[in-house]
């Protein structure tokens, strides 16, 4: 990722990054629960604004609506950046911004979802082959662990490494690395419960 690409960024590139963050912060699950139940989704279940918690409040329809719309917002922002012919470094930044916006939405006091669905959409739009790579890793890991969260953590870590070995450019590898870091951070409490980050009790 050449430094000249960063130096030559324009105001419109910065606005694209900001727009991605703000759109990422739009929470369909929160809005749906607020409209239908007049309740703050953050007070239900895990307090997350993702599809799983929306499903706790509204059942399968709430889960699938939130899942699909969260995927779409990630994909649409990256596709928009590409359609506007933004530089690759800006497209990479949009991937990170829309995921960060979902996890830490400005208008909801930085309390959002965990970023999995939005990252799926953003990764597909960045390069659909990334999803195929991740899907294979996820499937193999899930077959071994039979648990989704540890399988997804392994997949997030593996995707940047695999794209590096496959000679992808840093404009693909870097957003995958950053996205993996912030998504794993967003799941830190869940990971602690699995014992990943806890001390060995001997």
N, C-alpha and C. Protein backbone atom coordinates (compact mmCIF):
# COMPACT_ATOMS: atom_id res chain seq x y z
N UNK A 1 0.85 -1.19 0.00
CA UNK A 1 0.00 0.00 0.00
C UNK A 1 0.88 1.24 0.00
N UNK A 2 1.22 1.82 -1.16
CA UNK A 2 2.17 2.92 -1.24
C UNK A 2 1.73 4.13 -0.43
N UNK A 3 2.71 4.78 0.22
CA UNK A 3 2.39 5.98 0.99
C UNK A 3 1.83 7.08 0.11
N UNK A 4 2.24 7.13 -1.16
CA UNK A 4 1.74 8.17 -2.06
C UNK A 4 0.24 8.05 -2.25
N UNK A 5 -0.30 6.82 -2.17
CA UNK A 5 -1.75 6.65 -2.29
C UNK A 5 -2.48 7.34 -1.15
N UNK A 6 -1.89 7.29 0.05
CA UNK A 6 -2.51 7.93 1.20
C UNK A 6 -2.37 9.44 1.11
N UNK A 7 -1.18 9.90 0.70
CA UNK A 7 -0.92 11.34 0.61
C UNK A 7 -1.84 12.00 -0.41
N UNK A 8 -2.16 11.29 -1.49
CA UNK A 8 -2.94 11.88 -2.58
C UNK A 8 -4.45 11.75 -2.40
N UNK A 9 -4.90 11.34 -1.24
CA UNK A 9 -6.34 11.22 -1.01
C UNK A 9 -7.01 12.59 -1.05
N UNK A 10 -8.23 12.62 -1.56
CA UNK A 10 -8.97 13.87 -1.71
C UNK A 10 -10.05 13.99 -0.63
N UNK A 11 -10.70 15.14 -0.62
CA UNK A 11 -11.80 15.36 0.32
C UNK A 11 -12.93 14.37 0.08
N UNK A 12 -13.21 14.09 -1.18
CA UNK A 12 -14.27 13.14 -1.50
C UNK A 12 -13.94 11.74 -0.98
N UNK A 13 -12.64 11.39 -0.99
CA UNK A 13 -12.23 10.10 -0.44
C UNK A 13 -12.50 10.06 1.06
N UNK A 14 -12.20 11.15 1.74
CA UNK A 14 -12.47 11.23 3.17
C UNK A 14 -13.95 11.16 3.48
N UNK A 15 -14.75 11.80 2.64
CA UNK A 15 -16.21 11.76 2.82
C UNK A 15 -16.74 10.35 2.59
N UNK A 16 -16.13 9.62 1.66
CA UNK A 16 -16.54 8.24 1.40
C UNK A 16 -16.29 7.39 2.64
N UNK A 17 -15.16 7.60 3.27
CA UNK A 17 -14.83 6.88 4.50
C UNK A 17 -15.84 7.22 5.61
N UNK A 18 -16.14 8.51 5.74
CA UNK A 18 -17.09 8.95 6.76
C UNK A 18 -18.48 8.39 6.50
N UNK A 19 -18.90 8.40 5.24
CA UNK A 19 -20.21 7.86 4.88
C UNK A 19 -20.29 6.38 5.22
N UNK A 20 -19.23 5.64 4.93
CA UNK A 20 -19.21 4.21 5.24
C UNK A 20 -19.37 3.98 6.74
N UNK A 21 -18.69 4.77 7.54
CA UNK A 21 -18.81 4.64 8.99
C UNK A 21 -20.24 4.94 9.45
N UNK A 22 -20.83 6.00 8.92
CA UNK A 22 -22.18 6.38 9.34
C UNK A 22 -23.22 5.37 8.90
N UNK A 23 -23.09 4.86 7.67
CA UNK A 23 -24.03 3.84 7.20
C UNK A 23 -23.85 2.55 8.00
N UNK A 24 -22.60 2.22 8.30
CA UNK A 24 -22.36 1.05 9.14
C UNK A 24 -23.05 1.17 10.48
N UNK A 25 -23.18 2.40 10.97
CA UNK A 25 -23.81 2.63 12.27
C UNK A 25 -25.32 2.54 12.26
N UNK A 26 -25.93 2.44 11.09
CA UNK A 26 -27.38 2.26 11.02
C UNK A 26 -27.69 0.82 11.43
N UNK A 27 -28.48 0.66 12.47
CA UNK A 27 -28.74 -0.67 13.02
C UNK A 27 -30.17 -1.12 12.71
N UNK A 28 -30.36 -1.96 11.70
CA UNK A 28 -31.72 -2.43 11.36
C UNK A 28 -32.38 -3.17 12.52
N UNK A 29 -31.59 -3.97 13.26
CA UNK A 29 -32.15 -4.69 14.39
C UNK A 29 -32.68 -3.76 15.46
N UNK A 30 -31.90 -2.74 15.78
CA UNK A 30 -32.32 -1.75 16.78
C UNK A 30 -33.60 -1.05 16.34
N UNK A 31 -33.61 -0.60 15.08
CA UNK A 31 -34.76 0.13 14.57
C UNK A 31 -36.01 -0.74 14.54
N UNK A 32 -35.86 -1.99 14.12
CA UNK A 32 -37.01 -2.89 14.02
C UNK A 32 -37.62 -3.16 15.39
N UNK A 33 -36.77 -3.45 16.37
CA UNK A 33 -37.26 -3.71 17.72
C UNK A 33 -37.89 -2.45 18.32
N UNK A 34 -37.28 -1.31 18.04
CA UNK A 34 -37.84 -0.05 18.54
C UNK A 34 -39.22 0.21 17.95
N UNK A 35 -39.37 -0.07 16.65
CA UNK A 35 -40.65 0.19 15.99
C UNK A 35 -41.72 -0.81 16.42
N UNK A 36 -41.35 -2.09 16.46
CA UNK A 36 -42.35 -3.13 16.71
C UNK A 36 -42.65 -3.33 18.20
N UNK A 37 -41.64 -3.19 19.04
CA UNK A 37 -41.81 -3.47 20.47
C UNK A 37 -41.67 -2.22 21.35
N UNK A 38 -41.28 -1.11 20.74
CA UNK A 38 -41.00 0.12 21.50
C UNK A 38 -40.01 -0.16 22.64
N UNK A 39 -39.00 -0.95 22.30
CA UNK A 39 -38.00 -1.36 23.28
C UNK A 39 -36.60 -1.16 22.71
N UNK A 40 -35.66 -0.85 23.57
CA UNK A 40 -34.26 -0.72 23.17
C UNK A 40 -33.64 -2.11 23.14
N UNK A 41 -33.18 -2.54 21.97
CA UNK A 41 -32.59 -3.87 21.82
C UNK A 41 -31.40 -4.07 22.74
N UNK A 42 -30.76 -2.98 23.12
CA UNK A 42 -29.59 -3.08 23.99
C UNK A 42 -29.94 -3.53 25.41
N UNK A 43 -31.22 -3.51 25.73
CA UNK A 43 -31.67 -3.96 27.06
C UNK A 43 -32.13 -5.42 27.04
N UNK A 44 -32.02 -6.07 25.90
CA UNK A 44 -32.50 -7.45 25.74
C UNK A 44 -31.31 -8.40 25.55
N UNK A 45 -31.40 -9.56 26.17
CA UNK A 45 -30.39 -10.60 25.95
C UNK A 45 -28.97 -10.13 26.19
N UNK A 46 -28.13 -10.28 25.16
CA UNK A 46 -26.72 -9.91 25.26
C UNK A 46 -26.49 -8.41 25.16
N UNK A 47 -27.52 -7.67 24.73
CA UNK A 47 -27.37 -6.24 24.55
C UNK A 47 -26.79 -5.85 23.20
N UNK A 48 -26.39 -6.84 22.41
CA UNK A 48 -25.83 -6.58 21.09
C UNK A 48 -26.94 -6.17 20.12
N UNK A 49 -26.57 -5.45 19.08
CA UNK A 49 -27.54 -5.02 18.08
C UNK A 49 -27.49 -5.88 16.82
N UNK A 50 -26.87 -7.04 16.92
CA UNK A 50 -26.77 -7.92 15.77
C UNK A 50 -27.97 -8.82 15.60
N UNK A 51 -27.87 -9.70 14.60
CA UNK A 51 -28.99 -10.56 14.22
C UNK A 51 -29.39 -11.53 15.32
N UNK A 52 -28.42 -12.10 16.02
CA UNK A 52 -28.74 -13.09 17.05
C UNK A 52 -29.62 -12.49 18.14
N UNK A 53 -29.25 -11.29 18.59
CA UNK A 53 -30.03 -10.67 19.65
C UNK A 53 -31.38 -10.17 19.13
N UNK A 54 -31.41 -9.71 17.89
CA UNK A 54 -32.69 -9.31 17.29
C UNK A 54 -33.62 -10.52 17.21
N UNK A 55 -33.03 -11.69 16.95
CA UNK A 55 -33.81 -12.92 16.93
C UNK A 55 -34.39 -13.26 18.29
N UNK A 56 -33.66 -12.94 19.35
CA UNK A 56 -34.18 -13.18 20.70
C UNK A 56 -35.43 -12.34 20.95
N UNK A 57 -35.43 -11.14 20.39
CA UNK A 57 -36.56 -10.24 20.62
C UNK A 57 -37.72 -10.50 19.68
N UNK A 58 -37.43 -10.86 18.43
CA UNK A 58 -38.48 -10.92 17.42
C UNK A 58 -38.62 -12.27 16.73
N UNK A 59 -37.82 -13.24 17.13
CA UNK A 59 -37.92 -14.55 16.51
C UNK A 59 -37.14 -14.64 15.21
N UNK A 60 -37.43 -15.68 14.43
CA UNK A 60 -36.67 -15.95 13.21
C UNK A 60 -36.76 -14.81 12.20
N UNK A 61 -37.94 -14.20 12.06
CA UNK A 61 -38.08 -13.11 11.09
C UNK A 61 -37.17 -11.94 11.45
N UNK A 62 -37.09 -11.62 12.74
CA UNK A 62 -36.20 -10.55 13.18
C UNK A 62 -34.75 -10.89 12.95
N UNK A 63 -34.40 -12.16 13.18
CA UNK A 63 -33.03 -12.61 12.96
C UNK A 63 -32.64 -12.47 11.50
N UNK A 64 -33.48 -13.01 10.59
CA UNK A 64 -33.12 -13.01 9.17
C UNK A 64 -33.16 -11.60 8.58
N UNK A 65 -34.12 -10.78 9.01
CA UNK A 65 -34.16 -9.41 8.52
C UNK A 65 -32.88 -8.66 8.89
N UNK A 66 -32.48 -8.79 10.15
CA UNK A 66 -31.28 -8.09 10.62
C UNK A 66 -30.03 -8.65 9.96
N UNK A 67 -29.96 -9.96 9.83
CA UNK A 67 -28.80 -10.59 9.20
C UNK A 67 -28.62 -10.10 7.77
N UNK A 68 -29.69 -10.15 6.98
CA UNK A 68 -29.61 -9.77 5.57
C UNK A 68 -29.29 -8.29 5.41
N UNK A 69 -29.94 -7.44 6.18
CA UNK A 69 -29.69 -5.99 6.03
C UNK A 69 -28.30 -5.61 6.52
N UNK A 70 -27.80 -6.27 7.55
CA UNK A 70 -26.43 -5.99 8.00
C UNK A 70 -25.41 -6.42 6.94
N UNK A 71 -25.66 -7.57 6.29
CA UNK A 71 -24.78 -8.00 5.21
C UNK A 71 -24.83 -7.00 4.06
N UNK A 72 -26.04 -6.57 3.72
CA UNK A 72 -26.20 -5.67 2.57
C UNK A 72 -25.52 -4.33 2.79
N UNK A 73 -25.60 -3.79 3.99
CA UNK A 73 -24.99 -2.46 4.19
C UNK A 73 -23.46 -2.55 4.04
N UNK A 74 -22.88 -3.67 4.48
CA UNK A 74 -21.44 -3.84 4.28
C UNK A 74 -21.08 -3.95 2.82
N UNK A 75 -21.86 -4.74 2.09
CA UNK A 75 -21.59 -4.94 0.67
C UNK A 75 -21.83 -3.66 -0.13
N UNK A 76 -22.93 -2.99 0.14
CA UNK A 76 -23.30 -1.81 -0.65
C UNK A 76 -22.28 -0.69 -0.53
N UNK A 77 -21.72 -0.49 0.67
CA UNK A 77 -20.75 0.60 0.83
C UNK A 77 -19.46 0.30 0.08
N UNK A 78 -19.02 -0.94 0.09
CA UNK A 78 -17.80 -1.29 -0.65
C UNK A 78 -18.07 -1.25 -2.15
N UNK A 79 -19.21 -1.74 -2.57
CA UNK A 79 -19.57 -1.65 -3.99
C UNK A 79 -19.67 -0.20 -4.45
N UNK A 80 -20.23 0.66 -3.59
CA UNK A 80 -20.34 2.08 -3.94
C UNK A 80 -18.97 2.70 -4.13
N UNK A 81 -18.05 2.38 -3.23
CA UNK A 81 -16.69 2.92 -3.36
C UNK A 81 -16.04 2.46 -4.66
N UNK A 82 -16.28 1.21 -5.03
CA UNK A 82 -15.73 0.69 -6.29
C UNK A 82 -16.40 1.35 -7.48
N UNK A 83 -17.73 1.51 -7.41
CA UNK A 83 -18.48 2.10 -8.51
C UNK A 83 -18.05 3.55 -8.76
N UNK A 84 -17.71 4.24 -7.68
CA UNK A 84 -17.22 5.62 -7.79
C UNK A 84 -15.75 5.67 -8.19
N UNK A 85 -15.17 4.49 -8.42
CA UNK A 85 -13.76 4.36 -8.82
C UNK A 85 -12.82 4.99 -7.80
N UNK A 86 -13.14 4.76 -6.53
CA UNK A 86 -12.25 5.22 -5.46
C UNK A 86 -10.94 4.45 -5.53
N UNK A 87 -9.83 5.06 -5.12
CA UNK A 87 -8.55 4.35 -5.12
C UNK A 87 -8.63 3.10 -4.24
N UNK A 88 -7.84 2.08 -4.55
CA UNK A 88 -7.87 0.85 -3.74
C UNK A 88 -7.71 1.07 -2.25
N UNK A 89 -6.86 2.05 -1.88
CA UNK A 89 -6.65 2.31 -0.46
C UNK A 89 -7.93 2.83 0.18
N UNK A 90 -8.74 3.56 -0.56
CA UNK A 90 -10.01 4.07 -0.04
C UNK A 90 -11.02 2.93 0.09
N UNK A 91 -11.05 2.05 -0.90
CA UNK A 91 -11.93 0.88 -0.82
C UNK A 91 -11.58 0.06 0.42
N UNK A 92 -10.29 -0.11 0.67
CA UNK A 92 -9.85 -0.83 1.87
C UNK A 92 -10.33 -0.13 3.13
N UNK A 93 -10.20 1.20 3.14
CA UNK A 93 -10.63 1.97 4.31
C UNK A 93 -12.14 1.87 4.52
N UNK A 94 -12.89 1.80 3.44
CA UNK A 94 -14.35 1.68 3.53
C UNK A 94 -14.73 0.35 4.17
N UNK A 95 -14.01 -0.71 3.82
CA UNK A 95 -14.26 -2.02 4.45
C UNK A 95 -14.16 -1.90 5.97
N UNK A 96 -13.09 -1.28 6.42
CA UNK A 96 -12.88 -1.13 7.87
C UNK A 96 -13.91 -0.18 8.47
N UNK A 97 -14.21 0.91 7.78
CA UNK A 97 -15.11 1.93 8.31
C UNK A 97 -16.53 1.41 8.51
N UNK A 98 -17.04 0.65 7.55
CA UNK A 98 -18.42 0.18 7.67
C UNK A 98 -18.54 -0.86 8.78
N UNK A 99 -17.50 -1.67 8.97
CA UNK A 99 -17.51 -2.65 10.07
C UNK A 99 -17.38 -1.93 11.41
N UNK A 100 -16.48 -0.96 11.49
CA UNK A 100 -16.30 -0.19 12.72
C UNK A 100 -17.57 0.57 13.07
N UNK A 101 -18.24 1.11 12.05
CA UNK A 101 -19.49 1.83 12.29
C UNK A 101 -20.55 0.92 12.87
N UNK A 102 -20.60 -0.31 12.39
CA UNK A 102 -21.57 -1.28 12.92
C UNK A 102 -21.28 -1.62 14.37
N UNK A 103 -20.00 -1.78 14.70
CA UNK A 103 -19.63 -2.16 16.07
C UNK A 103 -19.73 -0.98 17.02
N UNK A 104 -19.31 0.20 16.55
CA UNK A 104 -19.31 1.40 17.40
C UNK A 104 -20.08 2.53 16.72
N UNK A 105 -21.42 2.43 16.66
CA UNK A 105 -22.21 3.47 15.99
C UNK A 105 -22.26 4.77 16.79
N UNK A 106 -21.99 5.86 16.13
CA UNK A 106 -21.94 7.17 16.77
C UNK A 106 -23.26 7.52 17.43
N UNK A 107 -24.37 7.28 16.72
CA UNK A 107 -25.68 7.74 17.21
C UNK A 107 -26.26 6.85 18.31
N UNK A 108 -25.62 5.72 18.59
CA UNK A 108 -26.06 4.83 19.67
C UNK A 108 -24.98 4.71 20.75
N UNK A 109 -24.26 5.81 20.92
CA UNK A 109 -23.23 5.87 21.97
C UNK A 109 -22.18 4.75 21.84
N UNK A 110 -21.86 4.44 20.59
CA UNK A 110 -20.79 3.48 20.27
C UNK A 110 -21.09 2.06 20.80
N UNK A 111 -22.38 1.74 20.92
CA UNK A 111 -22.79 0.40 21.38
C UNK A 111 -23.57 -0.26 20.25
N UNK A 112 -22.91 -1.14 19.49
CA UNK A 112 -23.56 -1.74 18.33
C UNK A 112 -23.52 -3.25 18.35
N UNK A 113 -23.32 -3.82 17.16
CA UNK A 113 -23.26 -5.27 17.03
C UNK A 113 -21.82 -5.76 17.10
N UNK A 114 -21.61 -6.98 16.65
CA UNK A 114 -20.28 -7.59 16.75
C UNK A 114 -19.55 -7.65 15.41
N UNK A 115 -20.21 -7.28 14.32
CA UNK A 115 -19.51 -7.08 13.06
C UNK A 115 -19.44 -8.26 12.11
N UNK A 116 -19.98 -9.42 12.48
CA UNK A 116 -19.81 -10.60 11.64
C UNK A 116 -20.57 -10.45 10.32
N UNK A 117 -21.86 -10.14 10.39
CA UNK A 117 -22.68 -10.05 9.17
C UNK A 117 -22.19 -8.92 8.27
N UNK A 118 -21.91 -7.77 8.85
CA UNK A 118 -21.45 -6.63 8.04
C UNK A 118 -20.11 -6.94 7.38
N UNK A 119 -19.24 -7.65 8.09
CA UNK A 119 -17.94 -8.00 7.50
C UNK A 119 -18.13 -8.98 6.34
N UNK A 120 -19.08 -9.89 6.44
CA UNK A 120 -19.34 -10.81 5.34
C UNK A 120 -19.68 -10.04 4.07
N UNK A 121 -20.59 -9.07 4.19
CA UNK A 121 -20.96 -8.27 3.03
C UNK A 121 -19.80 -7.48 2.48
N UNK A 122 -19.02 -6.87 3.37
CA UNK A 122 -17.88 -6.06 2.93
C UNK A 122 -16.82 -6.93 2.25
N UNK A 123 -16.56 -8.11 2.78
CA UNK A 123 -15.56 -8.99 2.20
C UNK A 123 -15.99 -9.49 0.82
N UNK A 124 -17.27 -9.83 0.68
CA UNK A 124 -17.78 -10.28 -0.62
C UNK A 124 -17.59 -9.20 -1.67
N UNK A 125 -17.92 -7.97 -1.30
CA UNK A 125 -17.79 -6.86 -2.25
C UNK A 125 -16.34 -6.54 -2.55
N UNK A 126 -15.47 -6.75 -1.57
CA UNK A 126 -14.04 -6.49 -1.79
C UNK A 126 -13.48 -7.49 -2.79
N UNK A 127 -13.76 -8.77 -2.58
CA UNK A 127 -13.33 -9.84 -3.48
C UNK A 127 -14.07 -11.10 -3.07
N UNK A 128 -14.99 -11.56 -3.91
CA UNK A 128 -15.83 -12.69 -3.54
C UNK A 128 -15.02 -13.96 -3.24
N UNK A 129 -13.81 -14.04 -3.80
CA UNK A 129 -12.98 -15.22 -3.55
C UNK A 129 -12.53 -15.30 -2.09
N UNK A 130 -12.50 -14.15 -1.43
CA UNK A 130 -12.15 -14.13 -0.01
C UNK A 130 -13.17 -14.92 0.78
N UNK A 131 -14.45 -14.75 0.42
CA UNK A 131 -15.50 -15.48 1.12
C UNK A 131 -15.37 -16.98 0.90
N UNK A 132 -14.96 -17.37 -0.30
CA UNK A 132 -14.77 -18.79 -0.57
C UNK A 132 -13.64 -19.36 0.28
N UNK A 133 -12.56 -18.59 0.39
CA UNK A 133 -11.43 -19.01 1.23
C UNK A 133 -11.88 -19.13 2.68
N UNK A 134 -12.56 -18.09 3.15
CA UNK A 134 -13.02 -18.10 4.53
C UNK A 134 -14.03 -19.21 4.78
N UNK A 135 -14.89 -19.46 3.79
CA UNK A 135 -15.91 -20.50 3.95
C UNK A 135 -15.29 -21.87 4.14
N UNK A 136 -14.23 -22.16 3.41
CA UNK A 136 -13.55 -23.44 3.54
C UNK A 136 -12.94 -23.58 4.93
N UNK A 137 -12.26 -22.52 5.38
CA UNK A 137 -11.64 -22.55 6.71
C UNK A 137 -12.71 -22.70 7.79
N UNK A 138 -13.80 -21.95 7.64
CA UNK A 138 -14.88 -22.00 8.63
C UNK A 138 -15.49 -23.39 8.70
N UNK A 139 -15.72 -23.99 7.55
CA UNK A 139 -16.34 -25.31 7.50
C UNK A 139 -15.45 -26.36 8.17
N UNK A 140 -14.16 -26.33 7.82
CA UNK A 140 -13.23 -27.31 8.40
C UNK A 140 -13.13 -27.13 9.91
N UNK A 141 -13.00 -25.86 10.33
CA UNK A 141 -12.85 -25.60 11.77
C UNK A 141 -14.12 -25.97 12.53
N UNK A 142 -15.28 -25.67 11.93
CA UNK A 142 -16.54 -26.00 12.61
C UNK A 142 -16.72 -27.52 12.73
N UNK A 143 -16.29 -28.24 11.71
CA UNK A 143 -16.40 -29.70 11.76
C UNK A 143 -15.55 -30.28 12.91
N UNK A 144 -14.47 -29.56 13.23
CA UNK A 144 -13.59 -30.01 14.32
C UNK A 144 -14.13 -29.58 15.68
N UNK A 145 -14.54 -28.30 15.80
CA UNK A 145 -14.93 -27.75 17.10
C UNK A 145 -16.42 -27.88 17.40
N UNK A 146 -17.25 -27.90 16.34
CA UNK A 146 -18.71 -27.90 16.48
C UNK A 146 -19.22 -26.66 17.21
N UNK A 147 -18.43 -25.60 17.15
CA UNK A 147 -18.83 -24.34 17.78
C UNK A 147 -18.52 -23.21 16.81
N UNK A 148 -19.51 -22.29 16.67
CA UNK A 148 -19.35 -21.26 15.65
C UNK A 148 -18.32 -20.21 16.01
N UNK A 149 -18.36 -19.69 17.23
CA UNK A 149 -17.49 -18.58 17.58
C UNK A 149 -16.00 -18.91 17.45
N UNK A 150 -15.52 -20.00 18.05
CA UNK A 150 -14.09 -20.31 17.85
C UNK A 150 -13.76 -20.58 16.39
N UNK A 151 -14.71 -21.15 15.65
CA UNK A 151 -14.47 -21.39 14.22
C UNK A 151 -14.33 -20.08 13.47
N UNK A 152 -15.16 -19.10 13.83
CA UNK A 152 -15.11 -17.80 13.16
C UNK A 152 -13.83 -17.05 13.54
N UNK A 153 -13.40 -17.16 14.78
CA UNK A 153 -12.16 -16.51 15.21
C UNK A 153 -10.98 -17.06 14.41
N UNK A 154 -10.92 -18.38 14.28
CA UNK A 154 -9.85 -19.01 13.49
C UNK A 154 -9.92 -18.54 12.04
N UNK A 155 -11.12 -18.44 11.50
CA UNK A 155 -11.30 -17.99 10.12
C UNK A 155 -10.82 -16.56 9.93
N UNK A 156 -11.15 -15.68 10.86
CA UNK A 156 -10.73 -14.29 10.78
C UNK A 156 -9.21 -14.16 10.79
N UNK A 157 -8.56 -14.98 11.60
CA UNK A 157 -7.10 -14.96 11.67
C UNK A 157 -6.49 -15.56 10.42
N UNK A 158 -7.13 -16.60 9.90
CA UNK A 158 -6.56 -17.33 8.75
C UNK A 158 -6.67 -16.55 7.45
N UNK A 159 -7.75 -15.79 7.27
CA UNK A 159 -7.97 -15.14 5.97
C UNK A 159 -6.85 -14.19 5.56
N UNK A 160 -6.37 -13.30 6.44
CA UNK A 160 -5.23 -12.45 6.02
C UNK A 160 -3.99 -13.27 5.69
N UNK A 161 -3.74 -14.32 6.46
CA UNK A 161 -2.56 -15.15 6.22
C UNK A 161 -2.66 -15.87 4.88
N UNK A 162 -3.86 -16.39 4.58
CA UNK A 162 -4.04 -17.12 3.33
C UNK A 162 -3.99 -16.19 2.13
N UNK A 163 -4.58 -15.01 2.25
CA UNK A 163 -4.53 -14.06 1.12
C UNK A 163 -3.10 -13.58 0.89
N UNK A 164 -2.31 -13.52 1.96
CA UNK A 164 -0.90 -13.15 1.81
C UNK A 164 -0.15 -14.22 1.03
N UNK A 165 -0.39 -15.46 1.39
CA UNK A 165 0.29 -16.56 0.69
C UNK A 165 -0.17 -16.68 -0.76
N UNK A 166 -1.37 -16.19 -1.05
CA UNK A 166 -1.90 -16.24 -2.41
C UNK A 166 -1.55 -14.98 -3.21
N UNK A 167 -0.64 -14.16 -2.66
CA UNK A 167 -0.11 -12.97 -3.34
C UNK A 167 -1.17 -11.89 -3.61
N UNK A 168 -2.14 -11.77 -2.70
CA UNK A 168 -3.05 -10.63 -2.77
C UNK A 168 -2.29 -9.36 -2.42
N UNK A 169 -2.80 -8.22 -2.87
CA UNK A 169 -2.16 -6.95 -2.54
C UNK A 169 -2.48 -6.55 -1.10
N UNK A 170 -1.72 -5.61 -0.59
CA UNK A 170 -1.94 -5.13 0.78
C UNK A 170 -3.27 -4.41 0.91
N UNK A 171 -3.83 -3.93 -0.20
CA UNK A 171 -5.14 -3.27 -0.12
C UNK A 171 -6.25 -4.28 0.16
N UNK A 172 -5.94 -5.55 0.05
CA UNK A 172 -6.88 -6.61 0.46
C UNK A 172 -6.47 -7.17 1.82
N UNK A 173 -5.18 -7.43 1.98
CA UNK A 173 -4.70 -8.06 3.22
C UNK A 173 -4.89 -7.14 4.42
N UNK A 174 -4.57 -5.85 4.26
CA UNK A 174 -4.63 -4.92 5.39
C UNK A 174 -6.04 -4.78 5.97
N UNK A 175 -7.09 -4.57 5.14
CA UNK A 175 -8.43 -4.47 5.74
C UNK A 175 -8.88 -5.76 6.40
N UNK A 176 -8.44 -6.91 5.87
CA UNK A 176 -8.78 -8.18 6.50
C UNK A 176 -8.14 -8.28 7.88
N UNK A 177 -6.89 -7.84 7.99
CA UNK A 177 -6.18 -7.88 9.27
C UNK A 177 -6.85 -6.95 10.28
N UNK A 178 -7.16 -5.73 9.84
CA UNK A 178 -7.75 -4.75 10.76
C UNK A 178 -9.16 -5.19 11.16
N UNK A 179 -9.93 -5.68 10.18
CA UNK A 179 -11.28 -6.15 10.47
C UNK A 179 -11.24 -7.31 11.46
N UNK A 180 -10.31 -8.24 11.26
CA UNK A 180 -10.18 -9.37 12.18
C UNK A 180 -9.89 -8.88 13.59
N UNK A 181 -9.02 -7.89 13.71
CA UNK A 181 -8.64 -7.37 15.02
C UNK A 181 -9.83 -6.76 15.74
N UNK A 182 -10.59 -5.90 15.04
CA UNK A 182 -11.68 -5.21 15.73
C UNK A 182 -12.87 -6.15 16.00
N UNK A 183 -13.10 -7.12 15.13
CA UNK A 183 -14.20 -8.06 15.37
C UNK A 183 -13.87 -8.98 16.54
N UNK A 184 -12.63 -9.45 16.59
CA UNK A 184 -12.23 -10.30 17.73
C UNK A 184 -12.28 -9.49 19.02
N UNK A 185 -11.88 -8.22 18.95
CA UNK A 185 -11.97 -7.36 20.13
C UNK A 185 -13.42 -7.19 20.57
N UNK A 186 -14.33 -7.03 19.61
CA UNK A 186 -15.75 -6.88 19.93
C UNK A 186 -16.31 -8.13 20.59
N UNK A 187 -15.71 -9.28 20.32
CA UNK A 187 -16.16 -10.55 20.89
C UNK A 187 -15.34 -10.96 22.11
N UNK A 188 -14.56 -10.06 22.66
CA UNK A 188 -13.60 -10.45 23.71
C UNK A 188 -14.27 -11.11 24.91
N UNK A 189 -15.46 -10.61 25.30
CA UNK A 189 -16.12 -11.21 26.45
C UNK A 189 -16.59 -12.63 26.14
N UNK A 190 -17.12 -12.82 24.93
CA UNK A 190 -17.54 -14.17 24.53
C UNK A 190 -16.35 -15.11 24.46
N UNK A 191 -15.22 -14.59 23.98
CA UNK A 191 -14.01 -15.41 23.86
C UNK A 191 -13.49 -15.79 25.24
N UNK A 192 -13.56 -14.85 26.19
CA UNK A 192 -13.14 -15.15 27.55
C UNK A 192 -13.96 -16.28 28.14
N UNK A 193 -15.26 -16.27 27.83
CA UNK A 193 -16.14 -17.32 28.35
C UNK A 193 -15.77 -18.69 27.78
N UNK A 194 -15.18 -18.68 26.58
CA UNK A 194 -14.75 -19.94 25.97
C UNK A 194 -13.40 -20.39 26.53
N UNK A 195 -12.74 -19.49 27.27
CA UNK A 195 -11.45 -19.84 27.85
C UNK A 195 -10.27 -19.47 26.99
N UNK A 196 -10.50 -18.82 25.82
CA UNK A 196 -9.39 -18.47 24.93
C UNK A 196 -8.41 -17.53 25.58
N UNK A 197 -8.97 -16.58 26.35
CA UNK A 197 -8.13 -15.53 26.91
C UNK A 197 -7.93 -15.68 28.41
N UNK A 198 -8.45 -16.74 28.97
CA UNK A 198 -8.32 -16.93 30.42
C UNK A 198 -7.01 -17.65 30.73
N UNK A 199 -6.53 -17.46 31.93
CA UNK A 199 -5.28 -18.10 32.34
C UNK A 199 -5.52 -19.58 32.58
N UNK A 200 -4.50 -20.33 32.33
CA UNK A 200 -4.57 -21.76 32.55
C UNK A 200 -4.70 -22.02 34.06
N UNK A 201 -5.79 -22.70 34.41
CA UNK A 201 -6.04 -22.94 35.82
C UNK A 201 -5.37 -24.23 36.33
N UNK A 202 -4.63 -24.88 35.41
CA UNK A 202 -3.86 -26.04 35.80
C UNK A 202 -4.73 -27.24 36.10
